[in-house]
Amino acid sequence: EGEALGMPGTVMPGGSGRGPVVAVRDGWLELEEVQPE
């Protein structure tokens, strides 16, 4: 909400209980599950 398409790699909090979202070339993806190093 309130954001334009971000620079690829831009990561922001997701809304209401969702995972963070990351800007990709033509939209946004929600990260659901990750494994940090």
All heavy atoms as atom14 arrays in JSON, in Angstrom:
{
  "sequence": "EGEALGMPGTVMPGGSGRGPVVAVRDGWLELEEVQPE",
  "atom14_mask": [
    [1, 1, 1, 1, 1, 1, 1, 1, 1, 0, 0, 0, 0, 0],
    [1, 1, 1, 1, 0, 0, 0, 0, 0, 0, 0, 0, 0, 0],
    [1, 1, 1, 1, 1, 1, 1, 1, 1, 0, 0, 0, 0, 0],
    [1, 1, 1, 1, 1, 0, 0, 0, 0, 0, 0, 0, 0, 0],
    [1, 1, 1, 1, 1, 1, 1, 1, 0, 0, 0, 0, 0, 0],
    [1, 1, 1, 1, 0, 0, 0, 0, 0, 0, 0, 0, 0, 0],
    [1, 1, 1, 1, 1, 1, 1, 1, 0, 0, 0, 0, 0, 0],
    [1, 1, 1, 1, 1, 1, 1, 0, 0, 0, 0, 0, 0, 0],
    [1, 1, 1, 1, 0, 0, 0, 0, 0, 0, 0, 0, 0, 0],
    [1, 1, 1, 1, 1, 1, 1, 0, 0, 0, 0, 0, 0, 0],
    [1, 1, 1, 1, 1, 1, 1, 0, 0, 0, 0, 0, 0, 0],
    [1, 1, 1, 1, 1, 1, 1, 1, 0, 0, 0, 0, 0, 0],
    [1, 1, 1, 1, 1, 1, 1, 0, 0, 0, 0, 0, 0, 0],
    [1, 1, 1, 1, 0, 0, 0, 0, 0, 0, 0, 0, 0, 0],
    [1, 1, 1, 1, 0, 0, 0, 0, 0, 0, 0, 0, 0, 0],
    [1, 1, 1, 1, 1, 1, 0, 0, 0, 0, 0, 0, 0, 0],
    [1, 1, 1, 1, 0, 0, 0, 0, 0, 0, 0, 0, 0, 0],
    [1, 1, 1, 1, 1, 1, 1, 1, 1, 1, 1, 0, 0, 0],
    [1, 1, 1, 1, 0, 0, 0, 0, 0, 0, 0, 0, 0, 0],
    [1, 1, 1, 1, 1, 1, 1, 0, 0, 0, 0, 0, 0, 0],
    [1, 1, 1, 1, 1, 1, 1, 0, 0, 0, 0, 0, 0, 0],
    [1, 1, 1, 1, 1, 1, 1, 0, 0, 0, 0, 0, 0, 0],
    [1, 1, 1, 1, 1, 0, 0, 0, 0, 0, 0, 0, 0, 0],
    [1, 1, 1, 1, 1, 1, 1, 0, 0, 0, 0, 0, 0, 0],
    [1, 1, 1, 1, 1, 1, 1, 1, 1, 1, 1, 0, 0, 0],
    [1, 1, 1, 1, 1, 1, 1, 1, 0, 0, 0, 0, 0, 0],
    [1, 1, 1, 1, 0, 0, 0, 0, 0, 0, 0, 0, 0, 0],
    [1, 1, 1, 1, 1, 1, 1, 1, 1, 1, 1, 1, 1, 1],
    [1, 1, 1, 1, 1, 1, 1, 1, 0, 0, 0, 0, 0, 0],
    [1, 1, 1, 1, 1, 1, 1, 1, 1, 0, 0, 0, 0, 0],
    [1, 1, 1, 1, 1, 1, 1, 1, 0, 0, 0, 0, 0, 0],
    [1, 1, 1, 1, 1, 1, 1, 1, 1, 0, 0, 0, 0, 0],
    [1, 1, 1, 1, 1, 1, 1, 1, 1, 0, 0, 0, 0, 0],
    [1, 1, 1, 1, 1, 1, 1, 0, 0, 0, 0, 0, 0, 0],
    [1, 1, 1, 1, 1, 1, 1, 1, 1, 0, 0, 0, 0, 0],
    [1, 1, 1, 1, 1, 1, 1, 0, 0, 0, 0, 0, 0, 0],
    [1, 1, 1, 1, 1, 1, 1, 1, 1, 0, 0, 0, 0, 0]
  ],
  "atom14_positions": [
    [[0.82, -1.21, 0.0], [0.0, 0.0, 0.0], [0.86, 1.26, 0.0], [1.78, 1.41, 0.8], [-0.91, 0.0, 1.23], [-1.96, 1.08, 1.18], [-2.97, 0.94, 2.3], [-3.31, -0.21, 2.65], [-3.39, 1.98, 2.82], [0.0, 0.0, 0.0], [0.0, 0.0, 0.0], [0.0, 0.0, 0.0], [0.0, 0.0, 0.0], [0.0, 0.0, 0.0]],
    [[0.56, 2.15, -0.93], [1.26, 3.42, -1.01], [2.62, 3.35, -1.68], [3.34, 4.33, -1.72], [0.0, 0.0, 0.0], [0.0, 0.0, 0.0], [0.0, 0.0, 0.0], [0.0, 0.0, 0.0], [0.0, 0.0, 0.0], [0.0, 0.0, 0.0], [0.0, 0.0, 0.0], [0.0, 0.0, 0.0], [0.0, 0.0, 0.0], [0.0, 0.0, 0.0]],
    [[3.0, 2.19, -2.22], [4.32, 2.03, -2.84], [4.19, 1.87, -4.34], [3.26, 1.27, -4.84], [5.03, 0.78, -2.29], [5.42, 0.9, -0.86], [6.48, 1.95, -0.59], [7.4, 2.09, -1.41], [6.38, 2.62, 0.44], [0.0, 0.0, 0.0], [0.0, 0.0, 0.0], [0.0, 0.0, 0.0], [0.0, 0.0, 0.0], [0.0, 0.0, 0.0]],
    [[5.15, 2.41, -5.06], [5.28, 2.16, -6.49], [6.13, 0.9, -6.64], [6.65, 0.38, -5.66], [5.96, 3.35, -7.16], [0.0, 0.0, 0.0], [0.0, 0.0, 0.0], [0.0, 0.0, 0.0], [0.0, 0.0, 0.0], [0.0, 0.0, 0.0], [0.0, 0.0, 0.0], [0.0, 0.0, 0.0], [0.0, 0.0, 0.0], [0.0, 0.0, 0.0]],
    [[6.29, 0.43, -7.86], [7.17, -0.7, -8.08], [8.56, -0.32, -7.62], [9.09, 0.7, -8.03], [7.17, -1.09, -9.57], [8.02, -2.31, -9.91], [7.54, -3.54, -9.14], [7.97, -2.59, -11.39], [0.0, 0.0, 0.0], [0.0, 0.0, 0.0], [0.0, 0.0, 0.0], [0.0, 0.0, 0.0], [0.0, 0.0, 0.0], [0.0, 0.0, 0.0]],
    [[9.12, -1.08, -6.73], [10.42, -0.76, -6.15], [11.58, -1.24, -7.0], [11.42, -2.02, -7.92], [0.0, 0.0, 0.0], [0.0, 0.0, 0.0], [0.0, 0.0, 0.0], [0.0, 0.0, 0.0], [0.0, 0.0, 0.0], [0.0, 0.0, 0.0], [0.0, 0.0, 0.0], [0.0, 0.0, 0.0], [0.0, 0.0, 0.0], [0.0, 0.0, 0.0]],
    [[12.75, -0.75, -6.66], [13.97, -1.22, -7.29], [14.13, -2.7, -6.94], [13.93, -3.08, -5.78], [15.16, -0.41, -6.76], [16.49, -0.87, -7.25], [17.76, 0.18, -6.5], [18.83, 0.33, -7.89], [0.0, 0.0, 0.0], [0.0, 0.0, 0.0], [0.0, 0.0, 0.0], [0.0, 0.0, 0.0], [0.0, 0.0, 0.0], [0.0, 0.0, 0.0]],
    [[14.45, -3.58, -7.91], [14.6, -4.99, -7.58], [15.51, -5.19, -6.37], [16.56, -4.57, -6.25], [15.2, -5.58, -8.85], [14.64, -4.71, -9.94], [14.66, -3.32, -9.33], [0.0, 0.0, 0.0], [0.0, 0.0, 0.0], [0.0, 0.0, 0.0], [0.0, 0.0, 0.0], [0.0, 0.0, 0.0], [0.0, 0.0, 0.0], [0.0, 0.0, 0.0]],
    [[15.05, -6.05, -5.48], [15.78, -6.32, -4.25], [15.27, -5.55, -3.05], [15.58, -5.88, -1.91], [0.0, 0.0, 0.0], [0.0, 0.0, 0.0], [0.0, 0.0, 0.0], [0.0, 0.0, 0.0], [0.0, 0.0, 0.0], [0.0, 0.0, 0.0], [0.0, 0.0, 0.0], [0.0, 0.0, 0.0], [0.0, 0.0, 0.0], [0.0, 0.0, 0.0]],
    [[14.45, -4.52, -3.3], [13.86, -3.77, -2.19], [12.97, -4.71, -1.4], [12.14, -5.41, -1.96], [13.03, -2.58, -2.71], [13.87, -1.72, -3.47], [12.38, -1.81, -1.57], [0.0, 0.0, 0.0], [0.0, 0.0, 0.0], [0.0, 0.0, 0.0], [0.0, 0.0, 0.0], [0.0, 0.0, 0.0], [0.0, 0.0, 0.0], [0.0, 0.0, 0.0]],
    [[13.16, -4.75, -0.1], [12.38, -5.65, 0.74], [11.66, -4.83, 1.8], [12.21, -3.89, 2.35], [13.26, -6.77, 1.34], [14.33, -6.23, 2.23], [12.45, -7.82, 2.05], [0.0, 0.0, 0.0], [0.0, 0.0, 0.0], [0.0, 0.0, 0.0], [0.0, 0.0, 0.0], [0.0, 0.0, 0.0], [0.0, 0.0, 0.0], [0.0, 0.0, 0.0]],
    [[10.39, -5.15, 2.01], [9.53, -4.4, 2.93], [8.7, -5.37, 3.75], [8.49, -6.5, 3.33], [8.59, -3.49, 2.14], [9.29, -2.52, 1.22], [8.08, -1.58, 0.28], [7.26, -0.73, 1.61], [0.0, 0.0, 0.0], [0.0, 0.0, 0.0], [0.0, 0.0, 0.0], [0.0, 0.0, 0.0], [0.0, 0.0, 0.0], [0.0, 0.0, 0.0]],
    [[8.19, -4.91, 4.9], [7.32, -5.79, 5.69], [6.06, -6.12, 4.9], [5.57, -5.3, 4.13], [6.98, -4.97, 6.92], [7.49, -3.61, 6.69], [8.35, -3.6, 5.48], [0.0, 0.0, 0.0], [0.0, 0.0, 0.0], [0.0, 0.0, 0.0], [0.0, 0.0, 0.0], [0.0, 0.0, 0.0], [0.0, 0.0, 0.0], [0.0, 0.0, 0.0]],
    [[5.56, -7.33, 5.08], [4.29, -7.71, 4.49], [3.16, -7.2, 5.35], [3.37, -6.75, 6.47], [0.0, 0.0, 0.0], [0.0, 0.0, 0.0], [0.0, 0.0, 0.0], [0.0, 0.0, 0.0], [0.0, 0.0, 0.0], [0.0, 0.0, 0.0], [0.0, 0.0, 0.0], [0.0, 0.0, 0.0], [0.0, 0.0, 0.0], [0.0, 0.0, 0.0]],
    [[1.97, -7.27, 4.85], [0.82, -6.8, 5.62], [0.21, -7.89, 6.47], [0.33, -9.07, 6.18], [0.0, 0.0, 0.0], [0.0, 0.0, 0.0], [0.0, 0.0, 0.0], [0.0, 0.0, 0.0], [0.0, 0.0, 0.0], [0.0, 0.0, 0.0], [0.0, 0.0, 0.0], [0.0, 0.0, 0.0], [0.0, 0.0, 0.0], [0.0, 0.0, 0.0]],
    [[-0.41, -7.52, 7.52], [-1.21, -8.34, 8.44], [-0.85, -9.83, 8.47], [-1.54, -10.66, 7.91], [-2.7, -8.18, 8.15], [-3.0, -8.61, 6.85], [0.0, 0.0, 0.0], [0.0, 0.0, 0.0], [0.0, 0.0, 0.0], [0.0, 0.0, 0.0], [0.0, 0.0, 0.0], [0.0, 0.0, 0.0], [0.0, 0.0, 0.0], [0.0, 0.0, 0.0]],
    [[0.23, -10.15, 9.16], [0.6, -11.53, 9.38], [1.28, -12.21, 8.21], [1.54, -13.4, 8.25], [0.0, 0.0, 0.0], [0.0, 0.0, 0.0], [0.0, 0.0, 0.0], [0.0, 0.0, 0.0], [0.0, 0.0, 0.0], [0.0, 0.0, 0.0], [0.0, 0.0, 0.0], [0.0, 0.0, 0.0], [0.0, 0.0, 0.0], [0.0, 0.0, 0.0]],
    [[1.58, -11.48, 7.16], [2.23, -12.07, 5.99], [3.74, -11.9, 6.1], [4.24, -11.14, 6.91], [1.72, -11.38, 4.72], [0.23, -11.21, 4.66], [-0.56, -12.06, 3.8], [0.07, -12.63, 2.66], [-0.52, -13.53, 1.92], [-1.71, -13.93, 2.24], [0.07, -14.04, 0.89], [0.0, 0.0, 0.0], [0.0, 0.0, 0.0], [0.0, 0.0, 0.0]],
    [[4.47, -12.61, 5.26], [5.91, -12.47, 5.22], [6.32, -11.19, 4.52], [5.5, -10.51, 3.91], [0.0, 0.0, 0.0], [0.0, 0.0, 0.0], [0.0, 0.0, 0.0], [0.0, 0.0, 0.0], [0.0, 0.0, 0.0], [0.0, 0.0, 0.0], [0.0, 0.0, 0.0], [0.0, 0.0, 0.0], [0.0, 0.0, 0.0], [0.0, 0.0, 0.0]],
    [[7.61, -10.85, 4.59], [8.09, -9.66, 3.91], [7.92, -9.81, 2.4], [7.84, -10.92, 1.88], [9.56, -9.58, 4.3], [9.94, -10.96, 4.68], [8.69, -11.6, 5.22], [0.0, 0.0, 0.0], [0.0, 0.0, 0.0], [0.0, 0.0, 0.0], [0.0, 0.0, 0.0], [0.0, 0.0, 0.0], [0.0, 0.0, 0.0], [0.0, 0.0, 0.0]],
    [[7.83, -8.68, 1.7], [7.71, -8.69, 0.25], [8.96, -8.08, -0.36], [9.58, -7.18, 0.22], [6.44, -7.96, -0.23], [5.18, -8.69, 0.2], [6.4, -6.52, 0.24], [0.0, 0.0, 0.0], [0.0, 0.0, 0.0], [0.0, 0.0, 0.0], [0.0, 0.0, 0.0], [0.0, 0.0, 0.0], [0.0, 0.0, 0.0], [0.0, 0.0, 0.0]],
    [[9.34, -8.59, -1.52], [10.54, -8.11, -2.2], [10.17, -7.74, -3.64], [9.4, -8.43, -4.29], [11.67, -9.17, -2.15], [11.28, -10.45, -2.86], [12.95, -8.62, -2.73], [0.0, 0.0, 0.0], [0.0, 0.0, 0.0], [0.0, 0.0, 0.0], [0.0, 0.0, 0.0], [0.0, 0.0, 0.0], [0.0, 0.0, 0.0], [0.0, 0.0, 0.0]],
    [[10.7, -6.6, -4.07], [10.46, -6.14, -5.44], [11.29, -6.99, -6.4], [12.46, -7.26, -6.17], [10.83, -4.67, -5.59], [0.0, 0.0, 0.0], [0.0, 0.0, 0.0], [0.0, 0.0, 0.0], [0.0, 0.0, 0.0], [0.0, 0.0, 0.0], [0.0, 0.0, 0.0], [0.0, 0.0, 0.0], [0.0, 0.0, 0.0], [0.0, 0.0, 0.0]],
    [[10.65, -7.43, -7.47], [11.32, -8.13, -8.56], [11.09, -7.32, -9.83], [10.42, -6.29, -9.8], [10.83, -9.58, -8.69], [11.23, -10.4, -7.47], [9.33, -9.66, -8.88], [0.0, 0.0, 0.0], [0.0, 0.0, 0.0], [0.0, 0.0, 0.0], [0.0, 0.0, 0.0], [0.0, 0.0, 0.0], [0.0, 0.0, 0.0], [0.0, 0.0, 0.0]],
    [[11.64, -7.75, -10.92], [11.61, -6.95, -12.15], [10.23, -6.41, -12.51], [10.1, -5.27, -12.9], [12.17, -7.79, -13.3], [12.32, -7.01, -14.56], [13.01, -7.76, -15.64], [12.9, -9.2, -15.46], [13.22, -10.08, -16.36], [13.67, -9.69, -17.51], [13.1, -11.37, -16.13], [0.0, 0.0, 0.0], [0.0, 0.0, 0.0], [0.0, 0.0, 0.0]],
    [[9.19, -7.22, -12.38], [7.87, -6.78, -12.84], [6.78, -6.94, -11.79], [5.62, -7.14, -12.12], [7.49, -7.51, -14.12], [7.53, -9.03, -13.96], [7.89, -9.5, -12.87], [7.2, -9.72, -14.92], [0.0, 0.0, 0.0], [0.0, 0.0, 0.0], [0.0, 0.0, 0.0], [0.0, 0.0, 0.0], [0.0, 0.0, 0.0], [0.0, 0.0, 0.0]],
    [[7.12, -6.83, -10.52], [6.12, -6.93, -9.47], [6.74, -7.16, -8.11], [7.87, -6.75, -7.86], [0.0, 0.0, 0.0], [0.0, 0.0, 0.0], [0.0, 0.0, 0.0], [0.0, 0.0, 0.0], [0.0, 0.0, 0.0], [0.0, 0.0, 0.0], [0.0, 0.0, 0.0], [0.0, 0.0, 0.0], [0.0, 0.0, 0.0], [0.0, 0.0, 0.0]],
    [[5.99, -7.82, -7.24], [6.43, -8.1, -5.87], [6.18, -9.56, -5.55], [5.21, -10.15, -6.02], [5.63, -7.24, -4.88], [5.91, -5.78, -5.0], [5.34, -4.92, -5.88], [6.81, -5.01, -4.22], [5.84, -3.66, -5.69], [6.75, -3.69, -4.68], [7.67, -5.32, -3.17], [7.5, -2.66, -4.12], [8.42, -4.29, -2.61], [8.34, -2.99, -3.09]],
    [[7.05, -10.15, -4.74], [6.87, -11.51, -4.24], [6.89, -11.49, -2.73], [7.69, -10.78, -2.12], [8.0, -12.43, -4.73], [8.03, -12.76, -6.21], [9.28, -13.57, -6.54], [6.78, -13.5, -6.63], [0.0, 0.0, 0.0], [0.0, 0.0, 0.0], [0.0, 0.0, 0.0], [0.0, 0.0, 0.0], [0.0, 0.0, 0.0], [0.0, 0.0, 0.0]],
    [[6.02, -12.3, -2.13], [6.06, -12.48, -0.67], [6.99, -13.63, -0.35], [6.88, -14.72, -0.92], [4.66, -12.8, -0.14], [4.68, -13.09, 1.35], [3.38, -13.64, 1.87], [2.37, -13.64, 1.15], [3.38, -14.11, 3.03], [0.0, 0.0, 0.0], [0.0, 0.0, 0.0], [0.0, 0.0, 0.0], [0.0, 0.0, 0.0], [0.0, 0.0, 0.0]],
    [[7.93, -13.39, 0.54], [8.79, -14.47, 1.02], [7.99, -15.25, 2.05], [7.47, -14.69, 3.01], [10.06, -13.9, 1.66], [10.95, -13.06, 0.77], [12.14, -12.53, 1.56], [11.42, -13.84, -0.44], [0.0, 0.0, 0.0], [0.0, 0.0, 0.0], [0.0, 0.0, 0.0], [0.0, 0.0, 0.0], [0.0, 0.0, 0.0], [0.0, 0.0, 0.0]],
    [[7.86, -16.56, 1.84], [7.09, -17.39, 2.77], [7.99, -18.16, 3.72], [7.72, -18.25, 4.91], [6.21, -18.37, 2.0], [5.15, -17.68, 1.17], [4.3, -18.68, 0.4], [4.84, -19.63, -0.19], [3.07, -18.49, 0.41], [0.0, 0.0, 0.0], [0.0, 0.0, 0.0], [0.0, 0.0, 0.0], [0.0, 0.0, 0.0], [0.0, 0.0, 0.0]],
    [[9.05, -18.75, 3.19], [9.96, -19.53, 4.01], [11.39, -19.3, 3.53], [11.65, -19.31, 2.32], [9.62, -21.02, 3.93], [10.4, -21.88, 4.9], [9.97, -23.34, 4.86], [10.0, -23.94, 3.78], [9.59, -23.84, 5.93], [0.0, 0.0, 0.0], [0.0, 0.0, 0.0], [0.0, 0.0, 0.0], [0.0, 0.0, 0.0], [0.0, 0.0, 0.0]],
    [[12.3, -19.07, 4.47], [13.71, -18.81, 4.13], [14.61, -19.63, 5.05], [14.17, -20.16, 6.07], [14.07, -17.3, 4.26], [13.26, -16.46, 3.29], [13.89, -16.81, 5.68], [0.0, 0.0, 0.0], [0.0, 0.0, 0.0], [0.0, 0.0, 0.0], [0.0, 0.0, 0.0], [0.0, 0.0, 0.0], [0.0, 0.0, 0.0], [0.0, 0.0, 0.0]],
    [[15.89, -19.69, 4.67], [16.89, -20.35, 5.51], [18.13, -19.47, 5.55], [18.92, -19.45, 4.61], [17.23, -21.74, 4.98], [18.22, -22.48, 5.87], [18.46, -23.89, 5.39], [17.89, -24.35, 4.4], [19.32, -24.59, 6.1], [0.0, 0.0, 0.0], [0.0, 0.0, 0.0], [0.0, 0.0, 0.0], [0.0, 0.0, 0.0], [0.0, 0.0, 0.0]],
    [[18.31, -18.7, 6.64], [19.5, -17.86, 6.76], [20.76, -18.73, 6.87], [20.7, -19.87, 7.36], [19.28, -17.11, 8.07], [17.83, -17.24, 8.38], [17.4, -18.54, 7.77], [0.0, 0.0, 0.0], [0.0, 0.0, 0.0], [0.0, 0.0, 0.0], [0.0, 0.0, 0.0], [0.0, 0.0, 0.0], [0.0, 0.0, 0.0], [0.0, 0.0, 0.0]],
    [[21.87, -18.19, 6.42], [23.14, -18.91, 6.48], [23.41, -19.43, 7.89], [23.3, -18.69, 8.86], [24.26, -17.95, 6.06], [25.62, -18.58, 5.95], [26.66, -17.61, 5.43], [26.32, -16.72, 4.63], [27.81, -17.75, 5.83], [0.0, 0.0, 0.0], [0.0, 0.0, 0.0], [0.0, 0.0, 0.0], [0.0, 0.0, 0.0], [0.0, 0.0, 0.0]]
  ]
}
